[in-house]
C-alpha atoms as a PDB file:
ATOM      1  CA  MET A   1      45.854   4.618 -58.888  1.00  0.00           C
ATOM      2  CA  SER A   2      44.758   7.904 -60.303  1.00  0.00           C
ATOM      3  CA  ALA A   3      41.134   7.053 -59.483  1.00  0.00           C
ATOM      4  CA  ALA A   4      42.017   6.533 -55.820  1.00  0.00           C
ATOM      5  CA  SER A   5      44.035   9.748 -55.665  1.00  0.00           C
ATOM      6  CA  THR A   6      41.199  11.741 -57.197  1.00  0.00           C
ATOM      7  CA  ARG A   7      38.740  10.417 -54.631  1.00  0.00           C
ATOM      8  CA  VAL A   8      40.690  11.614 -51.619  1.00  0.00           C
ATOM      9  CA  PRO A   9      40.680  15.290 -52.618  1.00  0.00           C
ATOM     10  CA  ALA A  10      36.975  15.066 -53.465  1.00  0.00           C
ATOM     11  CA  GLN A  11      36.247  13.677 -50.013  1.00  0.00           C
ATOM     12  CA  ALA A  12      38.411  16.333 -48.434  1.00  0.00           C
ATOM     13  CA  GLN A  13      36.453  19.008 -50.301  1.00  0.00           C
ATOM     14  CA  GLU A  14      33.165  17.588 -49.022  1.00  0.00           C
ATOM     15  CA  ARG A  15      34.469  17.653 -45.450  1.00  0.00           C
ATOM     16  CA  GLY A  16      36.175  20.975 -45.851  1.00  0.00           C
ATOM     17  CA  PRO A  17      35.105  24.298 -44.351  1.00  0.00           C
ATOM     18  CA  ARG A  18      31.500  25.234 -44.646  1.00  0.00           C
ATOM     19  CA  SER A  19      32.179  28.561 -46.237  1.00  0.00           C
ATOM     20  CA  SER A  20      30.528  27.375 -49.431  1.00  0.00           C
ATOM     21  CA  LEU A  21      27.199  26.945 -47.582  1.00  0.00           C
ATOM     22  CA  PRO A  22      24.913  29.957 -47.637  1.00  0.00           C
ATOM     23  CA  GLN A  23      25.128  31.948 -44.405  1.00  0.00           C
ATOM     24  CA  PRO A  24      22.111  33.686 -42.920  1.00  0.00           C
ATOM     25  CA  PRO A  25      22.373  37.449 -42.897  1.00  0.00           C
ATOM     26  CA  SER A  26      23.819  38.670 -39.619  1.00  0.00           C
ATOM     27  CA  ASP A  27      23.713  41.946 -37.847  1.00  0.00           C
ATOM     28  CA  SER A  28      27.165  43.500 -37.597  1.00  0.00           C
ATOM     29  CA  ARG A  29      26.292  44.954 -34.172  1.00  0.00           C
ATOM     30  CA  GLN A  30      25.701  41.473 -32.734  1.00  0.00           C
ATOM     31  CA  GLU A  31      29.014  40.248 -34.107  1.00  0.00           C
ATOM     32  CA  ALA A  32      30.831  43.235 -32.620  1.00  0.00           C
ATOM     33  CA  ASP A  33      29.203  42.622 -29.205  1.00  0.00           C
ATOM     34  CA  ALA A  34      30.108  38.938 -29.364  1.00  0.00           C
ATOM     35  CA  THR A  35      33.743  39.642 -30.136  1.00  0.00           C
ATOM     36  CA  GLN A  36      34.041  42.286 -27.403  1.00  0.00           C
ATOM     37  CA  ALA A  37      32.392  40.070 -24.778  1.00  0.00           C
ATOM     38  CA  ALA A  38      34.251  36.931 -25.864  1.00  0.00           C
ATOM     39  CA  PRO A  39      35.585  35.231 -22.752  1.00  0.00           C
ATOM     40  CA  THR A  40      39.114  33.950 -22.531  1.00  0.00           C
ATOM     41  CA  ASP A  41      37.890  30.381 -22.084  1.00  0.00           C
ATOM     42  CA  PRO A  42      38.282  28.556 -25.421  1.00  0.00           C
ATOM     43  CA  LEU A  43      35.507  26.090 -24.542  1.00  0.00           C
ATOM     44  CA  SER A  44      32.932  28.852 -24.232  1.00  0.00           C
ATOM     45  CA  ALA A  45      32.763  28.997 -28.041  1.00  0.00           C
ATOM     46  CA  LEU A  46      31.013  25.629 -27.951  1.00  0.00           C
ATOM     47  CA  GLY A  47      27.976  26.999 -26.128  1.00  0.00           C
ATOM     48  CA  PRO A  48      25.260  29.327 -27.385  1.00  0.00           C
ATOM     49  CA  LYS A  49      26.540  32.704 -28.574  1.00  0.00           C
ATOM     50  CA  ASN A  50      24.104  34.982 -26.758  1.00  0.00           C
ATOM     51  CA  SER A  51      24.012  33.188 -23.436  1.00  0.00           C
ATOM     52  CA  ARG A  52      24.650  35.194 -20.348  1.00  0.00           C
ATOM     53  CA  LYS A  53      26.275  33.675 -17.322  1.00  0.00           C
ATOM     54  CA  THR A  54      23.753  32.906 -14.654  1.00  0.00           C
ATOM     55  CA  ASN A  55      24.345  32.363 -11.010  1.00  0.00           C
ATOM     56  CA  SER A  56      25.400  28.725 -10.810  1.00  0.00           C
ATOM     57  CA  ARG A  57      24.623  28.637  -7.121  1.00  0.00           C
ATOM     58  CA  SER A  58      21.243  27.072  -6.524  1.00  0.00           C
ATOM     59  CA  ALA A  59      18.955  27.497  -3.574  1.00  0.00           C
ATOM     60  CA  GLY A  60      20.035  24.049  -2.396  1.00  0.00           C
ATOM     61  CA  LEU A  61      18.284  20.768  -2.151  1.00  0.00           C
ATOM     62  CA  ARG A  62      16.057  20.058   0.751  1.00  0.00           C
ATOM     63  CA  PRO A  63      17.023  16.994   2.772  1.00  0.00           C
ATOM     64  CA  THR A  64      14.455  14.248   2.423  1.00  0.00           C
ATOM     65  CA  LEU A  65      13.837  10.922   3.986  1.00  0.00           C
ATOM     66  CA  LEU A  66      16.226   8.532   2.308  1.00  0.00           C
ATOM     67  CA  ASN A  67      14.143   5.394   2.449  1.00  0.00           C
ATOM     68  CA  GLY A  68      10.785   7.115   2.059  1.00  0.00           C
ATOM     69  CA  ASN A  69       9.080   4.586   4.299  1.00  0.00           C
ATOM     70  CA  ARG A  70       6.710   6.092   6.835  1.00  0.00           C
ATOM     71  CA  ASP A  71       5.118   2.820   7.952  1.00  0.00           C
ATOM     72  CA  TRP A  72       5.240   2.427  11.713  1.00  0.00           C
ATOM     73  CA  THR A  73       4.173  -0.727  13.512  1.00  0.00           C
ATOM     74  CA  ILE A  74       2.927  -0.559  17.086  1.00  0.00           C
ATOM     75  CA  ALA A  75       3.337  -4.029  18.558  1.00  0.00           C
ATOM     76  CA  ILE A  76       0.922  -5.059  21.303  1.00  0.00           C
ATOM     77  CA  GLU A  77       1.384  -8.372  23.052  1.00  0.00           C
ATOM     78  CA  CYS A  78      -1.770 -10.026  24.343  1.00  0.00           C
ATOM     79  CA  ARG A  79      -1.274 -12.160  27.442  1.00  0.00           C
ATOM     80  CA  ALA A  80      -3.885 -13.925  29.540  1.00  0.00           C
ATOM     81  CA  ASP A  81      -3.875 -11.299  32.285  1.00  0.00           C
ATOM     82  CA  ALA A  82      -2.717  -8.115  30.488  1.00  0.00           C
ATOM     83  CA  LEU A  83      -1.778  -6.318  27.303  1.00  0.00           C
ATOM     84  CA  VAL A  84       1.734  -4.992  26.850  1.00  0.00           C
ATOM     85  CA  ILE A  85       2.497  -2.168  24.433  1.00  0.00           C
ATOM     86  CA  LEU A  86       5.953  -3.323  23.374  1.00  0.00           C
ATOM     87  CA  THR A  87       7.094   0.118  22.205  1.00  0.00           C
ATOM     88  CA  THR A  88       6.725   1.648  25.660  1.00  0.00           C
ATOM     89  CA  GLY A  89       6.639  -1.461  27.855  1.00  0.00           C
ATOM     90  CA  GLN A  90       3.357  -0.303  29.399  1.00  0.00           C
ATOM     91  CA  ALA A  91       1.241  -3.161  30.784  1.00  0.00           C
ATOM     92  CA  ILE A  92      -2.527  -2.717  30.849  1.00  0.00           C
ATOM     93  CA  PRO A  93      -4.530  -5.216  32.924  1.00  0.00           C
ATOM     94  CA  ALA A  94      -7.235  -7.195  31.107  1.00  0.00           C
ATOM     95  CA  THR A  95      -9.820  -5.949  33.639  1.00  0.00           C
ATOM     96  CA  ALA A  96      -9.256  -2.362  32.431  1.00  0.00           C
ATOM     97  CA  LEU A  97     -10.183  -3.366  28.866  1.00  0.00           C
ATOM     98  CA  GLY A  98     -13.800  -4.132  29.770  1.00  0.00           C
ATOM     99  CA  GLN A  99     -14.781  -0.445  29.872  1.00  0.00           C
ATOM    100  CA  GLN A 100     -17.292   0.320  27.134  1.00  0.00           C
ATOM    101  CA  ASP A 101     -16.516   4.038  26.743  1.00  0.00           C
ATOM    102  CA  SER A 102     -13.483   4.392  24.466  1.00  0.00           C
ATOM    103  CA  GLY A 103     -12.780   7.829  25.939  1.00  0.00           C
ATOM    104  CA  GLN A 104     -12.144   6.225  29.329  1.00  0.00           C
ATOM    105  CA  ASN A 105     -10.273   3.173  28.033  1.00  0.00           C
ATOM    106  CA  VAL A 106      -6.642   3.168  29.189  1.00  0.00           C
ATOM    107  CA  LEU A 107      -5.459   1.246  26.112  1.00  0.00           C
ATOM    108  CA  VAL A 108      -7.070   3.666  23.662  1.00  0.00           C
ATOM    109  CA  LYS A 109      -5.654   6.679  25.500  1.00  0.00           C
ATOM    110  CA  SER A 110      -2.165   5.170  25.600  1.00  0.00           C
ATOM    111  CA  VAL A 111      -2.113   4.323  21.885  1.00  0.00           C
ATOM    112  CA  GLN A 112      -3.575   7.746  20.963  1.00  0.00           C
ATOM    113  CA  GLN A 113      -0.839   9.494  22.953  1.00  0.00           C
ATOM    114  CA  LEU A 114       1.824   7.276  21.405  1.00  0.00           C
ATOM    115  CA  ILE A 115       0.627   8.117  17.881  1.00  0.00           C
ATOM    116  CA  ALA A 116       0.272  11.837  18.663  1.00  0.00           C
ATOM    117  CA  ARG A 117       3.820  12.038  20.051  1.00  0.00           C
ATOM    118  CA  ARG A 118       5.248  10.294  17.003  1.00  0.00           C
ATOM    119  CA  GLN A 119       3.310  12.496  14.540  1.00  0.00           C
ATOM    120  CA  ALA A 120       4.509  15.605  16.393  1.00  0.00           C
ATOM    121  CA  THR A 121       8.084  14.757  15.349  1.00  0.00           C
ATOM    122  CA  VAL A 122       7.284  15.039  11.627  1.00  0.00           C
ATOM    123  CA  PRO A 123       8.858  18.183  10.093  1.00  0.00           C
ATOM    124  CA  PRO A 124       6.549  20.550   8.187  1.00  0.00           C
ATOM    125  CA  GLY A 125       6.063  19.516   4.580  1.00  0.00           C
ATOM    126  CA  GLU A 126       6.942  15.868   5.217  1.00  0.00           C
ATOM    127  CA  PRO A 127       4.344  13.083   5.017  1.00  0.00           C
ATOM    128  CA  PRO A 128       3.037  11.810   8.371  1.00  0.00           C
ATOM    129  CA  TYR A 129       3.755   8.357   9.758  1.00  0.00           C
ATOM    130  CA  ARG A 130       1.313   5.558   8.903  1.00  0.00           C
ATOM    131  CA  PRO A 131       0.770   3.677  12.140  1.00  0.00           C
ATOM    132  CA  THR A 132      -0.400   0.073  12.121  1.00  0.00           C
ATOM    133  CA  ILE A 133      -1.178  -2.046  15.154  1.00  0.00           C
ATOM    134  CA  ARG A 134       0.178  -5.582  15.281  1.00  0.00           C
ATOM    135  CA  PHE A 135      -1.238  -7.877  17.953  1.00  0.00           C
ATOM    136  CA  ARG A 136       0.931 -10.781  19.158  1.00  0.00           C
ATOM    137  CA  VAL A 137      -1.626 -13.125  20.673  1.00  0.00           C
ATOM    138  CA  HIS A 138      -0.598 -15.976  22.977  1.00  0.00           C
ATOM    139  CA  ALA A 139      -2.706 -19.155  22.950  1.00  0.00           C
ATOM    140  CA  ASP A 140      -4.272 -18.406  26.347  1.00  0.00           C
ATOM    141  CA  ALA A 141      -4.908 -14.710  25.576  1.00  0.00           C
ATOM    142  CA  LEU A 142      -7.722 -14.767  23.015  1.00  0.00           C
ATOM    143  CA  ARG A 143     -10.129 -13.125  25.485  1.00  0.00           C
ATOM    144  CA  THR A 144      -7.709 -10.224  25.979  1.00  0.00           C
ATOM    145  CA  TYR A 145      -7.356  -9.823  22.213  1.00  0.00           C
ATOM    146  CA  TYR A 146     -11.138  -9.841  21.698  1.00  0.00           C
ATOM    147  CA  LEU A 147     -11.493  -7.081  24.294  1.00  0.00           C
ATOM    148  CA  ALA A 148      -8.689  -4.914  22.876  1.00  0.00           C
ATOM    149  CA  TYR A 149      -9.492  -5.113  19.164  1.00  0.00           C
ATOM    150  CA  PRO A 150     -12.955  -3.437  19.267  1.00  0.00           C
ATOM    151  CA  ALA A 151     -11.666  -0.705  21.574  1.00  0.00           C
ATOM    152  CA  LEU A 152      -8.853   0.229  19.164  1.00  0.00           C
ATOM    153  CA  GLU A 153     -11.096   0.131  16.071  1.00  0.00           C
ATOM    154  CA  ALA A 154     -12.277   3.625  16.998  1.00  0.00           C
ATOM    155  CA  LEU A 155      -8.791   4.950  16.120  1.00  0.00           C
ATOM    156  CA  GLY A 156      -9.181   3.976  12.462  1.00  0.00           C
ATOM    157  CA  VAL A 157      -5.683   2.478  12.360  1.00  0.00           C
ATOM    158  CA  PRO A 158      -5.073  -0.716  10.343  1.00  0.00           C
ATOM    159  CA  MET A 159      -4.643  -3.732  12.617  1.00  0.00           C
ATOM    160  CA  SER A 160      -3.319  -7.247  12.153  1.00  0.00           C
ATOM    161  CA  ARG A 161      -2.827 -10.312  14.322  1.00  0.00           C
ATOM    162  CA  GLU A 162      -0.017 -12.785  14.860  1.00  0.00           C
ATOM    163  CA  SER A 163      -0.626 -15.947  16.855  1.00  0.00           C
ATOM    164  CA  VAL A 164       2.265 -16.905  19.096  1.00  0.00           C
ATOM    165  CA  ARG A 165       2.715 -20.694  19.239  1.00  0.00           C
ATOM    166  CA  PRO A 166       3.609 -22.356  22.533  1.00  0.00           C
ATOM    167  CA  GLU A 167       6.921 -23.602  21.005  1.00  0.00           C
ATOM    168  CA  ASP A 168       7.887 -20.008  20.240  1.00  0.00           C
ATOM    169  CA  GLU A 169       7.132 -18.943  23.804  1.00  0.00           C
ATOM    170  CA  SER A 170       9.410 -21.568  25.337  1.00  0.00           C
ATOM    171  CA  MET A 171      12.292 -20.869  22.907  1.00  0.00           C
ATOM    172  CA  ASN A 172      12.214 -17.105  23.438  1.00  0.00           C
ATOM    173  CA  GLY A 173      11.837 -17.271  27.191  1.00  0.00           C
ATOM    174  CA  ASN A 174       8.638 -15.203  27.121  1.00  0.00           C
ATOM    175  CA  ARG A 175       6.232 -15.239  30.041  1.00  0.00           C
END
């Protein structure tokens, strides 16, 4: 039992105060400043000794887009007699699509204005919207699609196509 009792004090000595460790030489002026400027908060002793309090108030975080998604799909429905820009509801007759000059094309002008208005809503410093054009082509409207696609290529916007099946038309009540 004496061996166990002698171990406990030895362990206590090892864990005891660190006064037996060599201390680096300190400047008495720094110690005097530290004791005079010692705050009343007992937890402040845990932090660095020479730290000065800084203004904890930050400039604030800037609000950002929460989802970060700037993709924007412009849906255009191709029908046998007209195109319909679904975002605005504007119908453009198929006869107006035959114009060769893209500057005079009603469809190109309408989509350009739509994109410009949307990009004008972007706050400074935020990324712009990424428009994409999605054609919904009915079975009897391939000619309309083939007239609209080359006209809108001049915009440089990615485009894709979705074929609308006749079953889908009857279920949705389209046309």
